[in-house]
Amino acid sequence: YPIFHEGLTDKEYDQLKILTYRNAMNGTMVSEVQSMDERAAQIDEQRIADLADTIPILFFGSNQEPLSGWKKAQEAAATQWHVDLIKLNTGHTIYHEQSELIASETESFIVNHLLQ
């Protein structure tokens, strides 16, 4: 997480760093990271592919790579599932960083794929 020093005293900045890092790696977050491989193995890829053949799917992804192989995995999933993938120049929270673009693309997608 980026921690900004602007507007803070050195003491406030140090305290903010301690709280941010403590809260960022709480028990829930650690558990989620540890179970990622297990959850990924549970994905029924054939079921998703079958759904994608009958239900239009719009998939948003980030151009950044928080984990090694992440972008490649997104592209492979989009290709395998025959879904539209829109890559955004954002961090992890794409819905916060590009909400207007996501809303616009979603509206166009609905008009073009679902209201015909």
C-alpha atoms as a PDB file:
ATOM      1  CA  TYR A   1       0.000   0.000   0.000  1.00  0.00           C
ATOM      2  CA  PRO A   2       1.318   3.458  -0.773  1.00  0.00           C
ATOM      3  CA  ILE A   3       1.477   5.555   2.355  1.00  0.00           C
ATOM      4  CA  PHE A   4       1.578   9.291   1.794  1.00  0.00           C
ATOM      5  CA  HIS A   5       3.429  11.628   4.131  1.00  0.00           C
ATOM      6  CA  GLU A   6       1.773  14.810   2.892  1.00  0.00           C
ATOM      7  CA  GLY A   7       0.001  16.743   5.639  1.00  0.00           C
ATOM      8  CA  LEU A   8       1.244  14.469   8.417  1.00  0.00           C
ATOM      9  CA  THR A   9       3.852  15.047  11.090  1.00  0.00           C
ATOM     10  CA  ASP A  10       6.672  12.516  11.232  1.00  0.00           C
ATOM     11  CA  LYS A  11       5.065  10.936  14.297  1.00  0.00           C
ATOM     12  CA  GLU A  12       1.649  10.680  12.564  1.00  0.00           C
ATOM     13  CA  TYR A  13       3.309   9.223   9.467  1.00  0.00           C
ATOM     14  CA  ASP A  14       5.125   6.558  11.512  1.00  0.00           C
ATOM     15  CA  GLN A  15       1.893   5.685  13.310  1.00  0.00           C
ATOM     16  CA  LEU A  16       0.006   5.466  10.005  1.00  0.00           C
ATOM     17  CA  LYS A  17       2.626   3.080   8.615  1.00  0.00           C
ATOM     18  CA  ILE A  18       2.340   0.819  11.664  1.00  0.00           C
ATOM     19  CA  LEU A  19      -1.461   0.719  11.504  1.00  0.00           C
ATOM     20  CA  THR A  20      -1.589   0.255   7.735  1.00  0.00           C
ATOM     21  CA  TYR A  21       0.849  -2.647   7.675  1.00  0.00           C
ATOM     22  CA  ARG A  22      -0.767  -4.271  10.716  1.00  0.00           C
ATOM     23  CA  ASN A  23      -4.245  -4.044   9.183  1.00  0.00           C
ATOM     24  CA  ALA A  24      -3.112  -5.046   5.693  1.00  0.00           C
ATOM     25  CA  MET A  25      -1.883  -8.422   6.870  1.00  0.00           C
ATOM     26  CA  ASN A  26      -4.561  -9.327   9.384  1.00  0.00           C
ATOM     27  CA  GLY A  27      -5.632 -12.929   9.925  1.00  0.00           C
ATOM     28  CA  THR A  28      -8.378 -12.759   7.313  1.00  0.00           C
ATOM     29  CA  MET A  29      -6.009 -11.490   4.629  1.00  0.00           C
ATOM     30  CA  VAL A  30      -3.364 -14.088   5.449  1.00  0.00           C
ATOM     31  CA  SER A  31      -5.985 -16.856   5.331  1.00  0.00           C
ATOM     32  CA  GLU A  32      -7.253 -15.642   1.969  1.00  0.00           C
ATOM     33  CA  VAL A  33      -3.780 -15.623   0.448  1.00  0.00           C
ATOM     34  CA  GLN A  34      -3.014 -19.084   1.837  1.00  0.00           C
ATOM     35  CA  SER A  35      -6.198 -20.556   0.353  1.00  0.00           C
ATOM     36  CA  MET A  36      -5.863 -19.047  -3.147  1.00  0.00           C
ATOM     37  CA  ASP A  37      -4.414 -22.184  -4.744  1.00  0.00           C
ATOM     38  CA  GLU A  38      -7.097 -24.385  -3.213  1.00  0.00           C
ATOM     39  CA  ARG A  39      -9.869 -22.072  -4.398  1.00  0.00           C
ATOM     40  CA  ALA A  40      -8.407 -21.821  -7.875  1.00  0.00           C
ATOM     41  CA  ALA A  41      -8.389 -25.627  -8.121  1.00  0.00           C
ATOM     42  CA  GLN A  42     -12.125 -25.669  -7.342  1.00  0.00           C
ATOM     43  CA  ILE A  43     -13.063 -23.618 -10.381  1.00  0.00           C
ATOM     44  CA  ASP A  44     -15.090 -25.717 -12.777  1.00  0.00           C
ATOM     45  CA  GLU A  45     -13.588 -24.368 -15.980  1.00  0.00           C
ATOM     46  CA  GLN A  46     -15.816 -26.463 -18.229  1.00  0.00           C
ATOM     47  CA  ARG A  47     -18.941 -25.073 -16.561  1.00  0.00           C
ATOM     48  CA  ILE A  48     -17.691 -21.542 -17.079  1.00  0.00           C
ATOM     49  CA  ALA A  49     -16.908 -22.288 -20.718  1.00  0.00           C
ATOM     50  CA  ASP A  50     -20.401 -23.751 -21.201  1.00  0.00           C
ATOM     51  CA  LEU A  51     -21.988 -20.682 -19.620  1.00  0.00           C
ATOM     52  CA  ALA A  52     -19.872 -18.347 -21.731  1.00  0.00           C
ATOM     53  CA  ASP A  53     -21.191 -20.024 -24.868  1.00  0.00           C
ATOM     54  CA  THR A  54     -24.756 -19.119 -23.874  1.00  0.00           C
ATOM     55  CA  ILE A  55     -24.409 -16.033 -21.685  1.00  0.00           C
ATOM     56  CA  PRO A  56     -22.368 -13.028 -22.808  1.00  0.00           C
ATOM     57  CA  ILE A  57     -19.687 -12.212 -20.252  1.00  0.00           C
ATOM     58  CA  LEU A  58     -17.720  -8.993 -19.888  1.00  0.00           C
ATOM     59  CA  PHE A  59     -14.437  -9.354 -18.017  1.00  0.00           C
ATOM     60  CA  PHE A  60     -12.402  -6.386 -16.739  1.00  0.00           C
ATOM     61  CA  GLY A  61      -8.746  -6.807 -15.868  1.00  0.00           C
ATOM     62  CA  SER A  62      -5.787  -4.675 -14.928  1.00  0.00           C
ATOM     63  CA  ASN A  63      -2.740  -4.069 -17.096  1.00  0.00           C
ATOM     64  CA  GLN A  64      -0.639  -4.256 -13.947  1.00  0.00           C
ATOM     65  CA  GLU A  65       0.674  -7.546 -12.672  1.00  0.00           C
ATOM     66  CA  PRO A  66       0.339  -7.843  -8.883  1.00  0.00           C
ATOM     67  CA  LEU A  67       1.337 -11.520  -9.010  1.00  0.00           C
ATOM     68  CA  SER A  68       3.639 -13.243 -11.472  1.00  0.00           C
ATOM     69  CA  GLY A  69       1.617 -14.608 -14.376  1.00  0.00           C
ATOM     70  CA  TRP A  70      -1.580 -12.729 -13.471  1.00  0.00           C
ATOM     71  CA  LYS A  71      -2.010 -10.931 -16.819  1.00  0.00           C
ATOM     72  CA  LYS A  72      -1.286 -14.116 -18.734  1.00  0.00           C
ATOM     73  CA  ALA A  73      -3.855 -16.006 -16.633  1.00  0.00           C
ATOM     74  CA  GLN A  74      -6.518 -13.359 -17.311  1.00  0.00           C
ATOM     75  CA  GLU A  75      -5.877 -13.483 -21.043  1.00  0.00           C
ATOM     76  CA  ALA A  76      -5.902 -17.289 -21.095  1.00  0.00           C
ATOM     77  CA  ALA A  77      -9.190 -17.391 -19.178  1.00  0.00           C
ATOM     78  CA  ALA A  78     -10.789 -14.862 -21.515  1.00  0.00           C
ATOM     79  CA  THR A  79      -9.656 -16.838 -24.557  1.00  0.00           C
ATOM     80  CA  GLN A  80     -10.704 -20.201 -23.131  1.00  0.00           C
ATOM     81  CA  TRP A  81     -14.096 -18.927 -22.010  1.00  0.00           C
ATOM     82  CA  HIS A  82     -14.699 -16.805 -25.146  1.00  0.00           C
ATOM     83  CA  VAL A  83     -15.431 -13.680 -23.132  1.00  0.00           C
ATOM     84  CA  ASP A  84     -14.772 -10.021 -23.805  1.00  0.00           C
ATOM     85  CA  LEU A  85     -11.738  -8.825 -21.824  1.00  0.00           C
ATOM     86  CA  ILE A  86     -11.183  -5.121 -21.300  1.00  0.00           C
ATOM     87  CA  LYS A  87      -7.752  -4.341 -19.871  1.00  0.00           C
ATOM     88  CA  LEU A  88      -7.563  -1.175 -17.803  1.00  0.00           C
ATOM     89  CA  ASN A  89      -4.496   0.757 -16.746  1.00  0.00           C
ATOM     90  CA  THR A  90      -5.273   0.512 -13.042  1.00  0.00           C
ATOM     91  CA  GLY A  91      -4.205  -1.169  -9.880  1.00  0.00           C
ATOM     92  CA  HIS A  92      -6.106  -3.857  -7.999  1.00  0.00           C
ATOM     93  CA  THR A  93      -9.221  -1.770  -7.312  1.00  0.00           C
ATOM     94  CA  ILE A  94     -10.245  -1.192 -10.920  1.00  0.00           C
ATOM     95  CA  TYR A  95     -13.848  -0.448  -9.958  1.00  0.00           C
ATOM     96  CA  HIS A  96     -12.677   2.531  -7.872  1.00  0.00           C
ATOM     97  CA  GLU A  97     -10.051   3.789 -10.270  1.00  0.00           C
ATOM     98  CA  GLN A  98     -12.037   3.473 -13.508  1.00  0.00           C
ATOM     99  CA  SER A  99     -15.684   3.436 -12.408  1.00  0.00           C
ATOM    100  CA  GLU A 100     -16.921   5.760 -15.167  1.00  0.00           C
ATOM    101  CA  LEU A 101     -15.205   3.746 -17.900  1.00  0.00           C
ATOM    102  CA  ILE A 102     -16.496   0.471 -16.463  1.00  0.00           C
ATOM    103  CA  ALA A 103     -20.037   1.863 -16.319  1.00  0.00           C
ATOM    104  CA  SER A 104     -19.807   3.087 -19.916  1.00  0.00           C
ATOM    105  CA  GLU A 105     -18.346  -0.187 -21.234  1.00  0.00           C
ATOM    106  CA  THR A 106     -20.933  -2.201 -19.305  1.00  0.00           C
ATOM    107  CA  GLU A 107     -23.769  -0.129 -20.711  1.00  0.00           C
ATOM    108  CA  SER A 108     -22.452  -0.605 -24.264  1.00  0.00           C
ATOM    109  CA  PHE A 109     -22.008  -4.321 -23.639  1.00  0.00           C
ATOM    110  CA  ILE A 110     -25.603  -4.669 -22.417  1.00  0.00           C
ATOM    111  CA  VAL A 111     -26.981  -2.770 -25.404  1.00  0.00           C
ATOM    112  CA  ASN A 112     -24.872  -4.717 -27.919  1.00  0.00           C
ATOM    113  CA  HIS A 113     -25.217  -8.211 -26.426  1.00  0.00           C
ATOM    114  CA  LEU A 114     -28.350  -8.376 -24.353  1.00  0.00           C
ATOM    115  CA  LEU A 115     -30.849  -5.935 -25.840  1.00  0.00           C
ATOM    116  CA  GLN A 116     -30.734  -7.106 -29.446  1.00  0.00           C
END
